[in-house]
Amino acid sequence: MEWMIHYLAKNAQNELYTFDERKQILRYGFKKLLTNLAILMILFTVSFFMDTINTMFVIITTFVALRMKFGGWHSESKGVCMIITTIIPIVYIFIIKAYEIPLVFTAITYIFAYLSAFLKGVVDNPKKELCADKKLKFKLQGIIILTFIGAIHLFILNKHLANISEGMTLAIFTVFINLYFSKTKTQC
């Protein structure tokens, strides 16, 4: 992989970064890509054997779309992050398979999500803190995405796709409960 990083860094037409900086950026990107692919392979393998691939896809998509805008808790260790990111969706699949999540929980989750979005807002990564303007921008984009997900959720409920609806509800719950486990200072 190092030869590919060297080749891409050498041929990148970007005057803002030095050759070594481009290599560092590419190395970081490849590590993140491989880590995320490993997590996805585990999740989709488990969901394949449990016949819940559609539900797992919805859980991951909903979670990632909202997490990108609202942020939240970050573990100190990449290993802990990988384990939690892998285990929580699998636990959710087991919950969905074993129990029927009441519709009232979905309604409460959306109320909690909107209140959290307005009152708590965006929680950034302590290593990459955002200024107030960027936090406001992410918050507004996140609320729009949450509303869009809510519209899709209503369509899914209308089609009586309970497992997918429950997956969306649990993913939304996770994103917004996650905002309360982190404390950061806002700096520009």
C-alpha atoms as a PDB file:
ATOM      1  CA  MET A   1       0.000   0.000   0.000  1.00  0.00           C
ATOM      2  CA  GLU A   2       2.935   2.314   0.663  1.00  0.00           C
ATOM      3  CA  TRP A   3       3.841   2.363  -3.041  1.00  0.00           C
ATOM      4  CA  MET A   4       0.284   3.507  -3.851  1.00  0.00           C
ATOM      5  CA  ILE A   5       0.466   6.291  -1.259  1.00  0.00           C
ATOM      6  CA  HIS A   6       3.829   7.405  -2.656  1.00  0.00           C
ATOM      7  CA  TYR A   7       2.491   7.350  -6.230  1.00  0.00           C
ATOM      8  CA  LEU A   8      -0.700   9.267  -5.379  1.00  0.00           C
ATOM      9  CA  ALA A   9       1.140  11.849  -3.267  1.00  0.00           C
ATOM     10  CA  LYS A  10       3.690  12.381  -6.034  1.00  0.00           C
ATOM     11  CA  ASN A  11       1.037  12.863  -8.736  1.00  0.00           C
ATOM     12  CA  ALA A  12      -1.438  14.934  -6.723  1.00  0.00           C
ATOM     13  CA  GLN A  13      -1.797  18.426  -8.168  1.00  0.00           C
ATOM     14  CA  ASN A  14      -2.142  20.286  -4.891  1.00  0.00           C
ATOM     15  CA  GLU A  15       0.183  23.163  -4.062  1.00  0.00           C
ATOM     16  CA  LEU A  16      -1.249  23.639  -0.557  1.00  0.00           C
ATOM     17  CA  TYR A  17       0.498  20.565   0.859  1.00  0.00           C
ATOM     18  CA  THR A  18       4.038  19.282   0.661  1.00  0.00           C
ATOM     19  CA  PHE A  19       4.811  15.816  -0.660  1.00  0.00           C
ATOM     20  CA  ASP A  20       5.196  14.451   2.894  1.00  0.00           C
ATOM     21  CA  GLU A  21       1.929  16.075   4.019  1.00  0.00           C
ATOM     22  CA  ARG A  22       0.095  14.526   1.056  1.00  0.00           C
ATOM     23  CA  LYS A  23       1.551  11.130   1.999  1.00  0.00           C
ATOM     24  CA  GLN A  24       0.364  11.555   5.608  1.00  0.00           C
ATOM     25  CA  ILE A  25      -3.122  12.520   4.458  1.00  0.00           C
ATOM     26  CA  LEU A  26      -3.323   9.553   2.095  1.00  0.00           C
ATOM     27  CA  ARG A  27      -1.969   7.144   4.737  1.00  0.00           C
ATOM     28  CA  TYR A  28      -4.601   8.360   7.218  1.00  0.00           C
ATOM     29  CA  GLY A  29      -7.353   8.042   4.591  1.00  0.00           C
ATOM     30  CA  PHE A  30      -6.366   4.485   3.696  1.00  0.00           C
ATOM     31  CA  LYS A  31      -6.277   3.470   7.382  1.00  0.00           C
ATOM     32  CA  LYS A  32      -9.767   4.921   7.924  1.00  0.00           C
ATOM     33  CA  LEU A  33     -11.042   3.241   4.768  1.00  0.00           C
ATOM     34  CA  LEU A  34      -9.683  -0.166   5.764  1.00  0.00           C
ATOM     35  CA  THR A  35     -10.998   0.164   9.327  1.00  0.00           C
ATOM     36  CA  ASN A  36     -14.474   1.107   8.116  1.00  0.00           C
ATOM     37  CA  LEU A  37     -14.487  -1.678   5.521  1.00  0.00           C
ATOM     38  CA  ALA A  38     -13.556  -4.202   8.226  1.00  0.00           C
ATOM     39  CA  ILE A  39     -16.400  -3.000  10.452  1.00  0.00           C
ATOM     40  CA  LEU A  40     -18.871  -3.089   7.552  1.00  0.00           C
ATOM     41  CA  MET A  41     -17.789  -6.592   6.562  1.00  0.00           C
ATOM     42  CA  ILE A  42     -18.387  -7.848  10.115  1.00  0.00           C
ATOM     43  CA  LEU A  43     -21.758  -6.111  10.366  1.00  0.00           C
ATOM     44  CA  PHE A  44     -23.025  -7.286   7.004  1.00  0.00           C
ATOM     45  CA  THR A  45     -21.757 -10.841   7.574  1.00  0.00           C
ATOM     46  CA  VAL A  46     -23.667 -11.070  10.860  1.00  0.00           C
ATOM     47  CA  SER A  47     -26.760  -9.477   9.333  1.00  0.00           C
ATOM     48  CA  PHE A  48     -26.565 -11.833   6.335  1.00  0.00           C
ATOM     49  CA  PHE A  49     -26.740 -14.870   8.597  1.00  0.00           C
ATOM     50  CA  MET A  50     -29.566 -13.301  10.605  1.00  0.00           C
ATOM     51  CA  ASP A  51     -31.432 -12.332   7.408  1.00  0.00           C
ATOM     52  CA  THR A  52     -31.434  -8.640   8.351  1.00  0.00           C
ATOM     53  CA  ILE A  53     -29.221  -7.009   5.714  1.00  0.00           C
ATOM     54  CA  ASN A  54     -31.825  -4.349   4.849  1.00  0.00           C
ATOM     55  CA  THR A  55     -32.246  -3.439   8.502  1.00  0.00           C
ATOM     56  CA  MET A  56     -28.480  -3.253   9.064  1.00  0.00           C
ATOM     57  CA  PHE A  57     -28.096  -1.041   5.992  1.00  0.00           C
ATOM     58  CA  VAL A  58     -30.764   1.327   7.341  1.00  0.00           C
ATOM     59  CA  ILE A  59     -29.199   1.392  10.823  1.00  0.00           C
ATOM     60  CA  ILE A  60     -25.772   2.258   9.438  1.00  0.00           C
ATOM     61  CA  THR A  61     -27.047   4.816   6.915  1.00  0.00           C
ATOM     62  CA  THR A  62     -29.258   6.597   9.445  1.00  0.00           C
ATOM     63  CA  PHE A  63     -26.536   6.635  12.089  1.00  0.00           C
ATOM     64  CA  VAL A  64     -23.790   7.896   9.766  1.00  0.00           C
ATOM     65  CA  ALA A  65     -25.967  10.592   8.157  1.00  0.00           C
ATOM     66  CA  LEU A  66     -26.850  12.090  11.541  1.00  0.00           C
ATOM     67  CA  ARG A  67     -23.517  11.476  13.254  1.00  0.00           C
ATOM     68  CA  MET A  68     -21.701  13.388  10.493  1.00  0.00           C
ATOM     69  CA  LYS A  69     -23.691  16.504  11.385  1.00  0.00           C
ATOM     70  CA  PHE A  70     -24.217  16.234  15.161  1.00  0.00           C
ATOM     71  CA  GLY A  71     -20.992  14.502  16.211  1.00  0.00           C
ATOM     72  CA  GLY A  72     -20.884  13.186  19.735  1.00  0.00           C
ATOM     73  CA  TRP A  73     -18.791  11.078  22.048  1.00  0.00           C
ATOM     74  CA  HIS A  74     -15.396   9.868  20.866  1.00  0.00           C
ATOM     75  CA  SER A  75     -13.462   7.125  22.620  1.00  0.00           C
ATOM     76  CA  GLU A  76      -9.827   7.629  23.564  1.00  0.00           C
ATOM     77  CA  SER A  77      -8.868   4.383  21.838  1.00  0.00           C
ATOM     78  CA  LYS A  78      -9.421   3.401  18.208  1.00  0.00           C
ATOM     79  CA  GLY A  79      -9.851  -0.200  19.350  1.00  0.00           C
ATOM     80  CA  VAL A  80     -12.675   0.728  21.734  1.00  0.00           C
ATOM     81  CA  CYS A  81     -14.279   2.764  18.955  1.00  0.00           C
ATOM     82  CA  MET A  82     -14.137  -0.206  16.569  1.00  0.00           C
ATOM     83  CA  ILE A  83     -15.593  -2.581  19.164  1.00  0.00           C
ATOM     84  CA  ILE A  84     -18.450  -0.248  20.094  1.00  0.00           C
ATOM     85  CA  THR A  85     -19.176   0.574  16.441  1.00  0.00           C
ATOM     86  CA  THR A  86     -19.394  -3.134  15.683  1.00  0.00           C
ATOM     87  CA  ILE A  87     -21.258  -4.352  18.768  1.00  0.00           C
ATOM     88  CA  ILE A  88     -24.066  -1.777  19.019  1.00  0.00           C
ATOM     89  CA  PRO A  89     -25.628  -2.467  15.574  1.00  0.00           C
ATOM     90  CA  ILE A  90     -25.386  -6.226  16.202  1.00  0.00           C
ATOM     91  CA  VAL A  91     -27.123  -5.816  19.569  1.00  0.00           C
ATOM     92  CA  TYR A  92     -29.788  -3.749  17.828  1.00  0.00           C
ATOM     93  CA  ILE A  93     -30.377  -6.533  15.303  1.00  0.00           C
ATOM     94  CA  PHE A  94     -30.852  -9.001  18.171  1.00  0.00           C
ATOM     95  CA  ILE A  95     -33.273  -6.603  19.898  1.00  0.00           C
ATOM     96  CA  ILE A  96     -35.250  -6.099  16.684  1.00  0.00           C
ATOM     97  CA  LYS A  97     -35.419  -9.848  16.077  1.00  0.00           C
ATOM     98  CA  ALA A  98     -36.483 -10.614  19.660  1.00  0.00           C
ATOM     99  CA  TYR A  99     -38.812  -7.737  20.549  1.00  0.00           C
ATOM    100  CA  GLU A 100     -41.315  -5.484  18.896  1.00  0.00           C
ATOM    101  CA  ILE A 101     -40.382  -1.899  19.660  1.00  0.00           C
ATOM    102  CA  PRO A 102     -43.553   0.087  20.402  1.00  0.00           C
ATOM    103  CA  LEU A 103     -44.485   2.922  18.088  1.00  0.00           C
ATOM    104  CA  VAL A 104     -44.623   5.255  21.080  1.00  0.00           C
ATOM    105  CA  PHE A 105     -40.845   4.736  21.503  1.00  0.00           C
ATOM    106  CA  THR A 106     -40.371   5.981  17.936  1.00  0.00           C
ATOM    107  CA  ALA A 107     -42.417   9.109  18.697  1.00  0.00           C
ATOM    108  CA  ILE A 108     -40.501   9.711  21.939  1.00  0.00           C
ATOM    109  CA  THR A 109     -37.207   9.190  20.088  1.00  0.00           C
ATOM    110  CA  TYR A 110     -38.061  11.892  17.536  1.00  0.00           C
ATOM    111  CA  ILE A 111     -39.135  14.306  20.283  1.00  0.00           C
ATOM    112  CA  PHE A 112     -35.881  13.574  22.130  1.00  0.00           C
ATOM    113  CA  ALA A 113     -33.886  13.980  18.889  1.00  0.00           C
ATOM    114  CA  TYR A 114     -35.379  17.371  17.992  1.00  0.00           C
ATOM    115  CA  LEU A 115     -35.057  18.668  21.556  1.00  0.00           C
ATOM    116  CA  SER A 116     -31.444  17.487  21.668  1.00  0.00           C
ATOM    117  CA  ALA A 117     -30.718  19.025  18.278  1.00  0.00           C
ATOM    118  CA  PHE A 118     -32.078  22.405  19.347  1.00  0.00           C
ATOM    119  CA  LEU A 119     -30.873  22.425  22.951  1.00  0.00           C
ATOM    120  CA  LYS A 120     -27.601  20.483  22.814  1.00  0.00           C
ATOM    121  CA  GLY A 121     -26.664  21.058  19.198  1.00  0.00           C
ATOM    122  CA  VAL A 122     -23.427  19.762  17.751  1.00  0.00           C
ATOM    123  CA  VAL A 123     -20.764  18.073  19.877  1.00  0.00           C
ATOM    124  CA  ASP A 124     -17.462  18.126  18.081  1.00  0.00           C
ATOM    125  CA  ASN A 125     -14.368  16.001  18.404  1.00  0.00           C
ATOM    126  CA  PRO A 126     -12.086  17.439  21.125  1.00  0.00           C
ATOM    127  CA  LYS A 127      -9.138  16.988  18.746  1.00  0.00           C
ATOM    128  CA  LYS A 128     -10.876  18.980  15.965  1.00  0.00           C
ATOM    129  CA  GLU A 129     -13.052  21.570  17.648  1.00  0.00           C
ATOM    130  CA  LEU A 130     -15.413  23.694  15.559  1.00  0.00           C
ATOM    131  CA  CYS A 131     -16.117  27.394  15.842  1.00  0.00           C
ATOM    132  CA  ALA A 132     -19.646  28.569  16.655  1.00  0.00           C
ATOM    133  CA  ASP A 133     -20.474  29.402  13.012  1.00  0.00           C
ATOM    134  CA  LYS A 134     -19.596  25.910  11.815  1.00  0.00           C
ATOM    135  CA  LYS A 135     -21.504  24.342  14.696  1.00  0.00           C
ATOM    136  CA  LEU A 136     -24.603  26.327  13.723  1.00  0.00           C
ATOM    137  CA  LYS A 137     -24.210  25.294  10.081  1.00  0.00           C
ATOM    138  CA  PHE A 138     -23.867  21.605  11.037  1.00  0.00           C
ATOM    139  CA  LYS A 139     -26.818  21.890  13.422  1.00  0.00           C
ATOM    140  CA  LEU A 140     -29.113  23.328  10.733  1.00  0.00           C
ATOM    141  CA  GLN A 141     -27.979  20.718   8.187  1.00  0.00           C
ATOM    142  CA  GLY A 142     -28.498  18.002  10.799  1.00  0.00           C
ATOM    143  CA  ILE A 143     -32.033  19.151  11.552  1.00  0.00           C
ATOM    144  CA  ILE A 144     -32.812  19.097   7.827  1.00  0.00           C
ATOM    145  CA  ILE A 145     -31.404  15.555   7.551  1.00  0.00           C
ATOM    146  CA  LEU A 146     -33.361  14.452  10.640  1.00  0.00           C
ATOM    147  CA  THR A 147     -36.547  15.854   9.081  1.00  0.00           C
ATOM    148  CA  PHE A 148     -35.802  14.067   5.791  1.00  0.00           C
ATOM    149  CA  ILE A 149     -35.182  10.810   7.682  1.00  0.00           C
ATOM    150  CA  GLY A 150     -38.468  11.385   9.527  1.00  0.00           C
ATOM    151  CA  ALA A 151     -40.325  11.689   6.207  1.00  0.00           C
ATOM    152  CA  ILE A 152     -38.746   8.454   4.983  1.00  0.00           C
ATOM    153  CA  HIS A 153     -39.615   6.882   8.324  1.00  0.00           C
ATOM    154  CA  LEU A 154     -43.283   7.790   7.890  1.00  0.00           C
ATOM    155  CA  PHE A 155     -43.242   6.179   4.440  1.00  0.00           C
ATOM    156  CA  ILE A 156     -41.659   3.021   5.909  1.00  0.00           C
ATOM    157  CA  LEU A 157     -44.240   2.918   8.707  1.00  0.00           C
ATOM    158  CA  ASN A 158     -47.000   3.289   6.114  1.00  0.00           C
ATOM    159  CA  LYS A 159     -45.571   0.272   4.246  1.00  0.00           C
ATOM    160  CA  HIS A 160     -45.568  -1.748   7.517  1.00  0.00           C
ATOM    161  CA  LEU A 161     -41.819  -2.454   7.405  1.00  0.00           C
ATOM    162  CA  ALA A 162     -41.450  -2.857  11.175  1.00  0.00           C
ATOM    163  CA  ASN A 163     -37.846  -4.105  11.304  1.00  0.00           C
ATOM    164  CA  ILE A 164     -36.560  -1.245   9.163  1.00  0.00           C
ATOM    165  CA  SER A 165     -38.553   1.293  11.162  1.00  0.00           C
ATOM    166  CA  GLU A 166     -37.190  -0.104  14.418  1.00  0.00           C
ATOM    167  CA  GLY A 167     -33.652   0.047  13.037  1.00  0.00           C
ATOM    168  CA  MET A 168     -34.093   3.710  12.146  1.00  0.00           C
ATOM    169  CA  THR A 169     -35.504   4.469  15.585  1.00  0.00           C
ATOM    170  CA  LEU A 170     -32.610   2.787  17.393  1.00  0.00           C
ATOM    171  CA  ALA A 171     -30.013   4.505  15.184  1.00  0.00           C
ATOM    172  CA  ILE A 172     -31.577   7.924  15.828  1.00  0.00           C
ATOM    173  CA  PHE A 173     -31.742   7.203  19.555  1.00  0.00           C
ATOM    174  CA  THR A 174     -28.048   6.252  19.565  1.00  0.00           C
ATOM    175  CA  VAL A 175     -26.938   9.405  17.759  1.00  0.00           C
ATOM    176  CA  PHE A 176     -28.733  11.738  20.124  1.00  0.00           C
ATOM    177  CA  ILE A 177     -28.054   9.925  23.410  1.00  0.00           C
ATOM    178  CA  ASN A 178     -24.421   9.980  22.307  1.00  0.00           C
ATOM    179  CA  LEU A 179     -24.414  13.815  22.434  1.00  0.00           C
ATOM    180  CA  TYR A 180     -24.698  13.735  26.220  1.00  0.00           C
ATOM    181  CA  PHE A 181     -21.509  11.734  26.799  1.00  0.00           C
ATOM    182  CA  SER A 182     -19.072  14.390  25.625  1.00  0.00           C
ATOM    183  CA  LYS A 183     -17.896  17.743  26.905  1.00  0.00           C
ATOM    184  CA  THR A 184     -15.896  20.066  24.677  1.00  0.00           C
ATOM    185  CA  LYS A 185     -14.966  23.722  24.502  1.00  0.00           C
ATOM    186  CA  THR A 186     -15.827  25.701  21.385  1.00  0.00           C
ATOM    187  CA  GLN A 187     -12.900  27.403  19.709  1.00  0.00           C
ATOM    188  CA  CYS A 188     -12.300  28.839  16.240  1.00  0.00           C
END
